[in-house]
Each structure stands twice: as structure tokens, then as C-alpha cells.
Amino acid sequence: MITTDALDLSLGLRRWPALHSLLRMRDTDWRWLQPPLDDDGNPVELHGLHPWLGLPVVDAIRIRMDTDVLGVRVTSEGDLLWRQDCDLTTVVDGLLELPPPWDPRAPRLVIGSAPKDPARL
């Protein structure tokens, strides 16, 4: 049996290289929410939010598997400004490379309606 003290992050990263993407988010302003659990108490998916303080914009991510990840940027009015539905590395790269909302290169064109609750994509 492996205890948490004996866990080596590098072993997990070798086994699941896509986790490198999540580590890139570690030192940013992303907040991770309590995940929904299955009947056995295991997380079903992960939800993260990056609120842009002082602005009515939030970036969000939903991770079901390393090949089933959704990233969005939405406004508080319910407008969808950016969306990417792909693998973990691609979505995380897209979110981290997305210009801040005040940047002239940031997406401003409404491309759809945002989920009612971005925390539960």
C-alpha cells in the first residue's frame, strides 16, 4: 500500500502526462470547486473557475476525462464569448493563452448562450 507521504508526483506525471497541464494552472487565480461524487464517493468530474475581479467575466473548465474537457469564457449576462471542447492539454493551453478581458485581442463577439451556472458546465 502506498501512503500519501510516499507518493511521488513525477510517477503520476509519467503515467498521465496530461496532468502537466493542470500543474500549469496551479499558480494562477483558478479556483477549484467541490466535485460532484458518484455513489461510492469518487469524483465524477472537476470544475474550475477563474473570475476576472472587477469584471463581469469568468473563465471556467469542466474535466470529465483527459479526453473530455470543456473550457469557456462567459459574461455575467449569460453571453458565451469563447468555447473549446477537446482534450485536457488543448483546453488548458487555450484558457491560459486566452488574453485577459481588457486586452484588445480578447474575444468580445457573443457566440452563444452561456450555461446557467458556469461552475456546473
Foldseek 3Di string as FASTA:
>chain_A
DDDPVRDDVVVVCVVPVLCVLVVVCVPDQKDKDDADADPVRHGQWTKIKRDDPPAQKIWIKIGRDQFFIKIFIAGVVFFTQDIDTGGSNVRSVCVVPADPPVDPPHGDDGPDGHPPDRRVD
